[in-house]
PDB file of all heavy atoms in Angstrom:
ATOM      1  N   PHE A   1     108.753 132.859 134.234  1.00  0.00           N
ATOM      2  CA  PHE A   1     109.086 131.793 135.212  1.00  0.00           C
ATOM      3  C   PHE A   1     110.351 132.093 135.772  1.00  0.00           C
ATOM      4  O   PHE A   1     111.324 132.577 135.145  1.00  0.00           O
ATOM      5  CB  PHE A   1     109.066 130.541 134.335  1.00  0.00           C
ATOM      6  CG  PHE A   1     108.678 129.256 135.185  1.00  0.00           C
ATOM      7  CD1 PHE A   1     107.295 129.207 135.740  1.00  0.00           C
ATOM      8  CD2 PHE A   1     109.529 128.216 135.333  1.00  0.00           C
ATOM      9  CE1 PHE A   1     106.947 128.160 136.351  1.00  0.00           C
ATOM     10  CE2 PHE A   1     109.094 127.204 136.099  1.00  0.00           C
ATOM     11  CZ  PHE A   1     107.752 127.068 136.558  1.00  0.00           C
ATOM     12  N   PRO A   2     110.552 131.780 137.134  1.00  0.00           N
ATOM     13  CA  PRO A   2     111.833 132.314 137.764  1.00  0.00           C
ATOM     14  C   PRO A   2     113.099 131.543 137.319  1.00  0.00           C
ATOM     15  O   PRO A   2     114.157 131.936 137.649  1.00  0.00           O
ATOM     16  CB  PRO A   2     111.493 132.119 139.253  1.00  0.00           C
ATOM     17  CG  PRO A   2     110.426 130.927 139.196  1.00  0.00           C
ATOM     18  CD  PRO A   2     109.590 131.222 137.994  1.00  0.00           C
ATOM     19  N   VAL A   3     112.972 130.446 136.683  1.00  0.00           N
ATOM     20  CA  VAL A   3     114.187 129.647 136.317  1.00  0.00           C
ATOM     21  C   VAL A   3     114.074 129.434 134.750  1.00  0.00           C
ATOM     22  O   VAL A   3     112.987 129.533 134.278  1.00  0.00           O
ATOM     23  CB  VAL A   3     114.317 128.273 137.021  1.00  0.00           C
ATOM     24  CG1 VAL A   3     114.587 128.589 138.549  1.00  0.00           C
ATOM     25  CG2 VAL A   3     113.090 127.465 136.865  1.00  0.00           C
ATOM     26  N   PRO A   4     115.206 129.077 134.168  1.00  0.00           N
ATOM     27  CA  PRO A   4     115.127 128.784 132.688  1.00  0.00           C
ATOM     28  C   PRO A   4     114.266 127.495 132.461  1.00  0.00           C
ATOM     29  O   PRO A   4     114.241 126.627 133.206  1.00  0.00           O
ATOM     30  CB  PRO A   4     116.558 128.478 132.322  1.00  0.00           C
ATOM     31  CG  PRO A   4     117.425 129.155 133.345  1.00  0.00           C
ATOM     32  CD  PRO A   4     116.577 129.033 134.656  1.00  0.00           C
ATOM     33  N   ILE A   5     113.618 127.569 131.249  1.00  0.00           N
ATOM     34  CA  ILE A   5     112.728 126.408 130.824  1.00  0.00           C
ATOM     35  C   ILE A   5     113.325 125.791 129.647  1.00  0.00           C
ATOM     36  O   ILE A   5     113.784 126.518 128.762  1.00  0.00           O
ATOM     37  CB  ILE A   5     111.280 126.974 130.526  1.00  0.00           C
ATOM     38  CG1 ILE A   5     110.618 127.481 131.774  1.00  0.00           C
ATOM     39  CG2 ILE A   5     110.505 125.838 129.870  1.00  0.00           C
ATOM     40  CD1 ILE A   5     109.251 128.177 131.495  1.00  0.00           C
ATOM     41  N   LEU A   6     113.550 124.462 129.691  1.00  0.00           N
ATOM     42  CA  LEU A   6     113.978 123.805 128.616  1.00  0.00           C
ATOM     43  C   LEU A   6     112.763 123.096 127.900  1.00  0.00           C
ATOM     44  O   LEU A   6     111.920 122.360 128.555  1.00  0.00           O
ATOM     45  CB  LEU A   6     114.941 122.657 128.994  1.00  0.00           C
ATOM     46  CG  LEU A   6     116.134 123.218 129.729  1.00  0.00           C
ATOM     47  CD1 LEU A   6     117.177 122.015 130.081  1.00  0.00           C
ATOM     48  CD2 LEU A   6     116.984 124.261 128.891  1.00  0.00           C
ATOM     49  N   GLY A   7     112.570 123.335 126.709  1.00  0.00           N
ATOM     50  CA  GLY A   7     111.365 122.811 125.903  1.00  0.00           C
ATOM     51  C   GLY A   7     111.745 121.984 124.803  1.00  0.00           C
ATOM     52  O   GLY A   7     112.851 122.055 124.178  1.00  0.00           O
ATOM     53  N   GLN A   8     110.834 121.226 124.251  1.00  0.00           N
ATOM     54  CA  GLN A   8     110.927 120.396 123.091  1.00  0.00           C
ATOM     55  C   GLN A   8     109.533 120.300 122.459  1.00  0.00           C
ATOM     56  O   GLN A   8     108.577 120.086 123.109  1.00  0.00           O
ATOM     57  CB  GLN A   8     111.297 118.956 123.537  1.00  0.00           C
ATOM     58  CG  GLN A   8     111.723 118.002 122.333  1.00  0.00           C
ATOM     59  CD  GLN A   8     112.272 116.709 122.739  1.00  0.00           C
ATOM     60  OE1 GLN A   8     111.485 115.883 123.082  1.00  0.00           O
ATOM     61  NE2 GLN A   8     113.611 116.559 122.810  1.00  0.00           N
ATOM     62  N   ILE A   9     109.569 120.471 121.047  1.00  0.00           N
ATOM     63  CA  ILE A   9     108.342 120.287 120.356  1.00  0.00           C
ATOM     64  C   ILE A   9     108.481 119.015 119.502  1.00  0.00           C
ATOM     65  O   ILE A   9     109.419 118.835 118.737  1.00  0.00           O
ATOM     66  CB  ILE A   9     108.059 121.401 119.352  1.00  0.00           C
ATOM     67  CG1 ILE A   9     108.008 122.701 120.154  1.00  0.00           C
ATOM     68  CG2 ILE A   9     106.763 121.233 118.658  1.00  0.00           C
ATOM     69  CD1 ILE A   9     107.869 123.904 119.278  1.00  0.00           C
ATOM     70  N   ASN A  10     107.542 118.061 119.684  1.00  0.00           N
ATOM     71  CA  ASN A  10     107.528 116.839 118.880  1.00  0.00           C
ATOM     72  C   ASN A  10     106.411 116.967 117.832  1.00  0.00           C
ATOM     73  O   ASN A  10     105.250 117.290 118.067  1.00  0.00           O
ATOM     74  CB  ASN A  10     107.252 115.669 119.820  1.00  0.00           C
ATOM     75  CG  ASN A  10     108.442 115.402 120.689  1.00  0.00           C
ATOM     76  OD1 ASN A  10     109.604 115.051 120.327  1.00  0.00           O
ATOM     77  ND2 ASN A  10     108.262 115.634 122.079  1.00  0.00           N
ATOM     78  N   LEU A  11     106.717 116.584 116.601  1.00  0.00           N
ATOM     79  CA  LEU A  11     105.699 116.651 115.493  1.00  0.00           C
ATOM     80  C   LEU A  11     105.365 115.248 115.041  1.00  0.00           C
ATOM     81  O   LEU A  11     106.273 114.298 115.007  1.00  0.00           O
ATOM     82  CB  LEU A  11     106.392 117.326 114.359  1.00  0.00           C
ATOM     83  CG  LEU A  11     105.635 117.477 113.061  1.00  0.00           C
ATOM     84  CD1 LEU A  11     106.178 118.759 112.230  1.00  0.00           C
ATOM     85  CD2 LEU A  11     105.691 116.252 112.165  1.00  0.00           C
ATOM     86  N   THR A  12     104.095 114.898 114.904  1.00  0.00           N
ATOM     87  CA  THR A  12     103.601 113.780 114.371  1.00  0.00           C
ATOM     88  C   THR A  12     102.678 114.040 113.242  1.00  0.00           C
ATOM     89  O   THR A  12     102.089 115.092 113.128  1.00  0.00           O
ATOM     90  CB  THR A  12     102.888 112.802 115.328  1.00  0.00           C
ATOM     91  OG1 THR A  12     101.809 113.496 115.948  1.00  0.00           O
ATOM     92  CG2 THR A  12     103.809 112.444 116.527  1.00  0.00           C
ATOM     93  N   PHE A  13     102.615 113.072 112.217  1.00  0.00           N
ATOM     94  CA  PHE A  13     101.761 113.325 111.006  1.00  0.00           C
ATOM     95  C   PHE A  13     100.897 112.048 110.849  1.00  0.00           C
ATOM     96  O   PHE A  13     101.441 110.922 110.850  1.00  0.00           O
ATOM     97  CB  PHE A  13     102.619 113.561 109.838  1.00  0.00           C
ATOM     98  CG  PHE A  13     101.789 113.708 108.573  1.00  0.00           C
ATOM     99  CD1 PHE A  13     100.845 114.694 108.403  1.00  0.00           C
ATOM    100  CD2 PHE A  13     101.837 112.751 107.557  1.00  0.00           C
ATOM    101  CE1 PHE A  13     100.109 114.851 107.252  1.00  0.00           C
ATOM    102  CE2 PHE A  13     101.166 112.962 106.308  1.00  0.00           C
ATOM    103  CZ  PHE A  13     100.183 113.909 106.247  1.00  0.00           C
ATOM    104  N   ALA A  14      99.566 112.203 110.695  1.00  0.00           N
ATOM    105  CA  ALA A  14      98.636 111.209 110.498  1.00  0.00           C
ATOM    106  C   ALA A  14      97.982 111.487 109.138  1.00  0.00           C
ATOM    107  O   ALA A  14      97.133 112.355 108.927  1.00  0.00           O
ATOM    108  CB  ALA A  14      97.549 111.046 111.555  1.00  0.00           C
ATOM    109  N   PRO A  15      98.396 110.695 108.055  1.00  0.00           N
ATOM    110  CA  PRO A  15      97.834 111.035 106.732  1.00  0.00           C
ATOM    111  C   PRO A  15      96.350 110.602 106.572  1.00  0.00           C
ATOM    112  O   PRO A  15      95.805 109.742 107.366  1.00  0.00           O
ATOM    113  CB  PRO A  15      98.665 110.086 105.794  1.00  0.00           C
ATOM    114  CG  PRO A  15      99.089 108.964 106.677  1.00  0.00           C
ATOM    115  CD  PRO A  15      99.214 109.514 108.033  1.00  0.00           C
ATOM    116  N   ASP A  16      95.679 111.438 105.711  1.00  0.00           N
ATOM    117  CA  ASP A  16      94.245 111.186 105.389  1.00  0.00           C
ATOM    118  C   ASP A  16      94.083 111.426 103.967  1.00  0.00           C
ATOM    119  O   ASP A  16      93.291 112.262 103.503  1.00  0.00           O
ATOM    120  CB  ASP A  16      93.341 112.073 106.223  1.00  0.00           C
ATOM    121  CG  ASP A  16      91.857 111.951 105.896  1.00  0.00           C
ATOM    122  OD1 ASP A  16      91.581 110.855 105.678  1.00  0.00           O
ATOM    123  OD2 ASP A  16      91.144 112.931 105.962  1.00  0.00           O
ATOM    124  N   ALA A  17      94.655 110.577 103.101  1.00  0.00           N
ATOM    125  CA  ALA A  17      94.691 110.607 101.726  1.00  0.00           C
ATOM    126  C   ALA A  17      93.855 109.418 101.022  1.00  0.00           C
ATOM    127  O   ALA A  17      93.628 108.497 101.807  1.00  0.00           O
ATOM    128  CB  ALA A  17      96.030 110.791 101.145  1.00  0.00           C
ATOM    129  N   VAL A  18      93.367 109.531  99.912  1.00  0.00           N
ATOM    130  CA  VAL A  18      92.765 108.365  99.201  1.00  0.00           C
ATOM    131  C   VAL A  18      93.671 107.258  99.138  1.00  0.00           C
ATOM    132  O   VAL A  18      93.337 106.147  99.434  1.00  0.00           O
ATOM    133  CB  VAL A  18      92.335 108.892  97.836  1.00  0.00           C
ATOM    134  CG1 VAL A  18      91.704 107.565  97.065  1.00  0.00           C
ATOM    135  CG2 VAL A  18      91.279 109.933  97.847  1.00  0.00           C
ATOM    136  N   ASN A  19      95.025 107.534  98.818  1.00  0.00           N
ATOM    137  CA  ASN A  19      96.088 106.590  98.863  1.00  0.00           C
ATOM    138  C   ASN A  19      96.994 107.028 100.034  1.00  0.00           C
ATOM    139  O   ASN A  19      97.998 107.783  99.630  1.00  0.00           O
ATOM    140  CB  ASN A  19      96.686 106.515  97.554  1.00  0.00           C
ATOM    141  CG  ASN A  19      95.846 105.998  96.449  1.00  0.00           C
ATOM    142  OD1 ASN A  19      95.445 104.809  96.478  1.00  0.00           O
ATOM    143  ND2 ASN A  19      95.399 106.874  95.497  1.00  0.00           N
ATOM    144  N   PRO A  20      96.736 106.742 101.213  1.00  0.00           N
ATOM    145  CA  PRO A  20      97.576 107.279 102.301  1.00  0.00           C
ATOM    146  C   PRO A  20      98.949 106.869 102.422  1.00  0.00           C
ATOM    147  O   PRO A  20      99.368 105.834 102.003  1.00  0.00           O
ATOM    148  CB  PRO A  20      96.844 106.810 103.598  1.00  0.00           C
ATOM    149  CG  PRO A  20      96.125 105.548 103.201  1.00  0.00           C
ATOM    150  CD  PRO A  20      95.800 105.777 101.706  1.00  0.00           C
ATOM    151  N   SER A  21      99.755 107.795 102.813  1.00  0.00           N
ATOM    152  CA  SER A  21     101.235 107.658 103.006  1.00  0.00           C
ATOM    153  C   SER A  21     101.766 108.736 103.858  1.00  0.00           C
ATOM    154  O   SER A  21     101.361 109.810 103.812  1.00  0.00           O
ATOM    155  CB  SER A  21     101.930 107.672 101.649  1.00  0.00           C
ATOM    156  OG  SER A  21     103.372 107.557 101.739  1.00  0.00           O
ATOM    157  N   ASP A  22     102.840 108.386 104.707  1.00  0.00           N
ATOM    158  CA  ASP A  22     103.514 109.387 105.314  1.00  0.00           C
ATOM    159  C   ASP A  22     104.150 110.307 104.392  1.00  0.00           C
ATOM    160  O   ASP A  22     104.399 109.934 103.237  1.00  0.00           O
ATOM    161  CB  ASP A  22     104.580 108.805 106.338  1.00  0.00           C
ATOM    162  CG  ASP A  22     105.156 109.741 107.210  1.00  0.00           C
ATOM    163  OD1 ASP A  22     104.560 110.880 107.565  1.00  0.00           O
ATOM    164  OD2 ASP A  22     106.317 109.599 107.680  1.00  0.00           O
ATOM    165  N   ASP A  23     104.383 111.570 104.766  1.00  0.00           N
ATOM    166  CA  ASP A  23     105.071 112.553 103.910  1.00  0.00           C
ATOM    167  C   ASP A  23     106.312 112.981 104.560  1.00  0.00           C
ATOM    168  O   ASP A  23     106.284 113.795 105.566  1.00  0.00           O
ATOM    169  CB  ASP A  23     104.123 113.760 103.703  1.00  0.00           C
ATOM    170  CG  ASP A  23     104.713 114.730 102.664  1.00  0.00           C
ATOM    171  OD1 ASP A  23     105.928 114.580 102.297  1.00  0.00           O
ATOM    172  OD2 ASP A  23     103.986 115.661 102.297  1.00  0.00           O
ATOM    173  N   PRO A  24     107.434 112.554 104.229  1.00  0.00           N
ATOM    174  CA  PRO A  24     108.704 112.925 104.835  1.00  0.00           C
ATOM    175  C   PRO A  24     109.044 114.477 104.782  1.00  0.00           C
ATOM    176  O   PRO A  24     109.857 114.984 105.500  1.00  0.00           O
ATOM    177  CB  PRO A  24     109.786 112.164 104.156  1.00  0.00           C
ATOM    178  CG  PRO A  24     109.198 111.776 102.879  1.00  0.00           C
ATOM    179  CD  PRO A  24     107.666 111.664 102.975  1.00  0.00           C
ATOM    180  N   ALA A  25     108.361 115.090 103.810  1.00  0.00           N
ATOM    181  CA  ALA A  25     108.462 116.613 103.831  1.00  0.00           C
ATOM    182  C   ALA A  25     107.798 117.359 105.029  1.00  0.00           C
ATOM    183  O   ALA A  25     108.094 118.496 105.360  1.00  0.00           O
ATOM    184  CB  ALA A  25     107.915 117.179 102.548  1.00  0.00           C
ATOM    185  N   VAL A  26     106.944 116.635 105.751  1.00  0.00           N
ATOM    186  CA  VAL A  26     106.372 117.185 106.987  1.00  0.00           C
ATOM    187  C   VAL A  26     107.396 117.049 108.009  1.00  0.00           C
ATOM    188  O   VAL A  26     107.550 116.045 108.756  1.00  0.00           O
ATOM    189  CB  VAL A  26     105.056 116.522 107.324  1.00  0.00           C
ATOM    190  CG1 VAL A  26     104.465 117.071 108.615  1.00  0.00           C
ATOM    191  CG2 VAL A  26     104.102 116.584 106.167  1.00  0.00           C
ATOM    192  N   GLN A  27     108.122 118.145 108.289  1.00  0.00           N
ATOM    193  CA  GLN A  27     109.152 118.187 109.264  1.00  0.00           C
ATOM    194  C   GLN A  27     109.428 119.636 109.686  1.00  0.00           C
ATOM    195  O   GLN A  27     108.917 120.560 108.981  1.00  0.00           O
ATOM    196  CB  GLN A  27     110.353 117.455 108.864  1.00  0.00           C
ATOM    197  CG  GLN A  27     110.955 118.038 107.582  1.00  0.00           C
ATOM    198  CD  GLN A  27     112.303 117.350 107.251  1.00  0.00           C
ATOM    199  OE1 GLN A  27     113.174 117.069 108.036  1.00  0.00           O
ATOM    200  NE2 GLN A  27     112.447 117.131 105.995  1.00  0.00           N
ATOM    201  N   PHE A  28     110.348 119.904 110.624  1.00  0.00           N
ATOM    202  CA  PHE A  28     110.761 121.207 110.956  1.00  0.00           C
ATOM    203  C   PHE A  28     111.798 121.570 109.921  1.00  0.00           C
ATOM    204  O   PHE A  28     112.553 120.784 109.315  1.00  0.00           O
ATOM    205  CB  PHE A  28     111.295 121.204 112.281  1.00  0.00           C
ATOM    206  CG  PHE A  28     110.305 121.014 113.379  1.00  0.00           C
ATOM    207  CD1 PHE A  28     110.386 119.898 114.151  1.00  0.00           C
ATOM    208  CD2 PHE A  28     109.466 122.027 113.699  1.00  0.00           C
ATOM    209  CE1 PHE A  28     109.333 119.707 115.170  1.00  0.00           C
ATOM    210  CE2 PHE A  28     108.416 121.711 114.623  1.00  0.00           C
ATOM    211  CZ  PHE A  28     108.462 120.592 115.331  1.00  0.00           C
ATOM    212  N   SER A  29     111.979 122.921 109.741  1.00  0.00           N
ATOM    213  CA  SER A  29     112.881 123.486 108.765  1.00  0.00           C
ATOM    214  C   SER A  29     114.308 123.240 109.091  1.00  0.00           C
ATOM    215  O   SER A  29     115.237 123.183 108.304  1.00  0.00           O
ATOM    216  CB  SER A  29     112.708 125.040 108.572  1.00  0.00           C
ATOM    217  OG  SER A  29     112.835 125.633 109.856  1.00  0.00           O
ATOM    218  N   THR A  30     114.569 122.835 110.475  1.00  0.00           N
ATOM    219  CA  THR A  30     115.917 122.544 110.883  1.00  0.00           C
ATOM    220  C   THR A  30     116.198 120.982 110.602  1.00  0.00           C
ATOM    221  O   THR A  30     117.304 120.543 110.942  1.00  0.00           O
ATOM    222  CB  THR A  30     116.074 122.746 112.330  1.00  0.00           C
ATOM    223  OG1 THR A  30     114.915 122.208 113.115  1.00  0.00           O
ATOM    224  CG2 THR A  30     116.120 124.268 112.614  1.00  0.00           C
ATOM    225  N   GLY A  31     115.168 120.298 110.120  1.00  0.00           N
ATOM    226  CA  GLY A  31     115.265 118.806 109.856  1.00  0.00           C
ATOM    227  C   GLY A  31     114.817 117.994 110.964  1.00  0.00           C
ATOM    228  O   GLY A  31     114.935 118.283 112.177  1.00  0.00           O
ATOM    229  N   GLY A  32     114.135 116.895 110.688  1.00  0.00           N
ATOM    230  CA  GLY A  32     113.490 115.991 111.630  1.00  0.00           C
ATOM    231  C   GLY A  32     112.209 116.454 112.102  1.00  0.00           C
ATOM    232  O   GLY A  32     111.655 117.591 111.861  1.00  0.00           O
ATOM    233  N   ARG A  33     111.670 115.738 113.132  1.00  0.00           N
ATOM    234  CA  ARG A  33     110.381 116.017 113.659  1.00  0.00           C
ATOM    235  C   ARG A  33     110.436 116.321 115.210  1.00  0.00           C
ATOM    236  O   ARG A  33     109.482 116.055 115.933  1.00  0.00           O
ATOM    237  CB  ARG A  33     109.389 114.841 113.501  1.00  0.00           C
ATOM    238  CG  ARG A  33     109.128 114.686 111.899  1.00  0.00           C
ATOM    239  CD  ARG A  33     108.050 113.602 111.614  1.00  0.00           C
ATOM    240  NE  ARG A  33     107.717 113.583 110.203  1.00  0.00           N
ATOM    241  CZ  ARG A  33     106.790 112.885 109.641  1.00  0.00           C
ATOM    242  NH1 ARG A  33     106.240 111.905 110.387  1.00  0.00           N
ATOM    243  NH2 ARG A  33     106.519 112.970 108.366  1.00  0.00           N
ATOM    244  N   ARG A  34     111.607 116.855 115.581  1.00  0.00           N
ATOM    245  CA  ARG A  34     111.700 117.213 116.949  1.00  0.00           C
ATOM    246  C   ARG A  34     112.650 118.436 117.040  1.00  0.00           C
ATOM    247  O   ARG A  34     113.685 118.484 116.282  1.00  0.00           O
ATOM    248  CB  ARG A  34     112.407 116.052 117.869  1.00  0.00           C
ATOM    249  CG  ARG A  34     112.628 116.485 119.303  1.00  0.00           C
ATOM    250  CD  ARG A  34     113.231 115.269 119.974  1.00  0.00           C
ATOM    251  NE  ARG A  34     112.271 114.182 120.034  1.00  0.00           N
ATOM    252  CZ  ARG A  34     112.457 113.017 120.528  1.00  0.00           C
ATOM    253  NH1 ARG A  34     113.706 112.705 121.040  1.00  0.00           N
ATOM    254  NH2 ARG A  34     111.571 111.977 120.524  1.00  0.00           N
ATOM    255  N   VAL A  35     112.276 119.487 117.833  1.00  0.00           N
ATOM    256  CA  VAL A  35     113.179 120.567 117.892  1.00  0.00           C
ATOM    257  C   VAL A  35     113.117 121.086 119.283  1.00  0.00           C
ATOM    258  O   VAL A  35     112.106 120.948 119.994  1.00  0.00           O
ATOM    259  CB  VAL A  35     112.607 121.764 116.954  1.00  0.00           C
ATOM    260  CG1 VAL A  35     111.206 122.201 117.385  1.00  0.00           C
ATOM    261  CG2 VAL A  35     113.542 122.932 116.894  1.00  0.00           C
ATOM    262  N   ASN A  36     114.316 121.553 119.765  1.00  0.00           N
ATOM    263  CA  ASN A  36     114.445 122.003 121.137  1.00  0.00           C
ATOM    264  C   ASN A  36     114.444 123.535 121.315  1.00  0.00           C
ATOM    265  O   ASN A  36     114.786 124.212 120.308  1.00  0.00           O
ATOM    266  CB  ASN A  36     115.744 121.481 121.707  1.00  0.00           C
ATOM    267  CG  ASN A  36     115.748 119.966 121.891  1.00  0.00           C
ATOM    268  OD1 ASN A  36     114.796 119.302 122.191  1.00  0.00           O
ATOM    269  ND2 ASN A  36     116.964 119.394 121.635  1.00  0.00           N
ATOM    270  N   PHE A  37     114.051 124.073 122.453  1.00  0.00           N
ATOM    271  CA  PHE A  37     114.047 125.527 122.633  1.00  0.00           C
ATOM    272  C   PHE A  37     114.258 125.803 124.123  1.00  0.00           C
ATOM    273  O   PHE A  37     114.207 124.882 124.928  1.00  0.00           O
ATOM    274  CB  PHE A  37     112.781 126.141 122.210  1.00  0.00           C
ATOM    275  CG  PHE A  37     111.544 125.763 122.994  1.00  0.00           C
ATOM    276  CD1 PHE A  37     111.215 126.458 124.066  1.00  0.00           C
ATOM    277  CD2 PHE A  37     110.845 124.697 122.382  1.00  0.00           C
ATOM    278  CE1 PHE A  37     110.040 126.124 124.848  1.00  0.00           C
ATOM    279  CE2 PHE A  37     109.606 124.423 123.170  1.00  0.00           C
ATOM    280  CZ  PHE A  37     109.290 125.088 124.259  1.00  0.00           C
ATOM    281  N   THR A  38     114.711 126.995 124.392  1.00  0.00           N
ATOM    282  CA  THR A  38     114.758 127.454 125.830  1.00  0.00           C
ATOM    283  C   THR A  38     114.003 128.808 125.983  1.00  0.00           C
ATOM    284  O   THR A  38     113.917 129.564 125.061  1.00  0.00           O
ATOM    285  CB  THR A  38     116.188 127.676 126.201  1.00  0.00           C
ATOM    286  OG1 THR A  38     116.797 128.527 125.316  1.00  0.00           O
ATOM    287  CG2 THR A  38     117.021 126.383 126.062  1.00  0.00           C
ATOM    288  N   ILE A  39     113.437 129.035 127.229  1.00  0.00           N
ATOM    289  CA  ILE A  39     112.946 130.196 127.590  1.00  0.00           C
ATOM    290  C   ILE A  39     113.723 130.674 128.793  1.00  0.00           C
ATOM    291  O   ILE A  39     113.832 129.995 129.777  1.00  0.00           O
ATOM    292  CB  ILE A  39     111.496 130.176 128.051  1.00  0.00           C
ATOM    293  CG1 ILE A  39     110.633 129.736 126.748  1.00  0.00           C
ATOM    294  CG2 ILE A  39     111.053 131.493 128.506  1.00  0.00           C
ATOM    295  CD1 ILE A  39     109.192 129.465 127.008  1.00  0.00           C
ATOM    296  N   PRO A  40     114.478 131.803 128.831  1.00  0.00           N
ATOM    297  CA  PRO A  40     115.382 132.184 129.790  1.00  0.00           C
ATOM    298  C   PRO A  40     114.573 132.584 131.113  1.00  0.00           C
ATOM    299  O   PRO A  40     113.444 132.841 130.945  1.00  0.00           O
ATOM    300  CB  PRO A  40     116.172 133.464 129.186  1.00  0.00           C
ATOM    301  CG  PRO A  40     115.219 133.882 128.166  1.00  0.00           C
ATOM    302  CD  PRO A  40     114.586 132.672 127.575  1.00  0.00           C
ATOM    303  N   ALA A  41     115.149 132.465 132.148  1.00  0.00           N
ATOM    304  CA  ALA A  41     114.514 132.806 133.447  1.00  0.00           C
ATOM    305  C   ALA A  41     113.890 134.234 133.366  1.00  0.00           C
ATOM    306  O   ALA A  41     114.568 135.150 132.813  1.00  0.00           O
ATOM    307  CB  ALA A  41     115.528 132.793 134.705  1.00  0.00           C
ATOM    308  N   ASN A  42     112.742 134.376 133.790  1.00  0.00           N
ATOM    309  CA  ASN A  42     111.890 135.653 133.774  1.00  0.00           C
ATOM    310  C   ASN A  42     111.629 136.122 132.290  1.00  0.00           C
ATOM    311  O   ASN A  42     111.226 137.274 132.124  1.00  0.00           O
ATOM    312  CB  ASN A  42     112.653 136.714 134.553  1.00  0.00           C
ATOM    313  CG  ASN A  42     112.819 136.388 135.959  1.00  0.00           C
ATOM    314  OD1 ASN A  42     111.892 135.911 136.572  1.00  0.00           O
ATOM    315  ND2 ASN A  42     114.119 136.594 136.494  1.00  0.00           N
TER     316      ASN A  42
END
């Protein structure tokens, strides 16, 4: 792409357990459920 790209990945989790619950361990290794990245021009 001719210009830099700024990106973001958002993570969501929908449990499907017999006793459903969110799992806080489901996240990025950097912490949280959102992570930013860049792709340099070209």
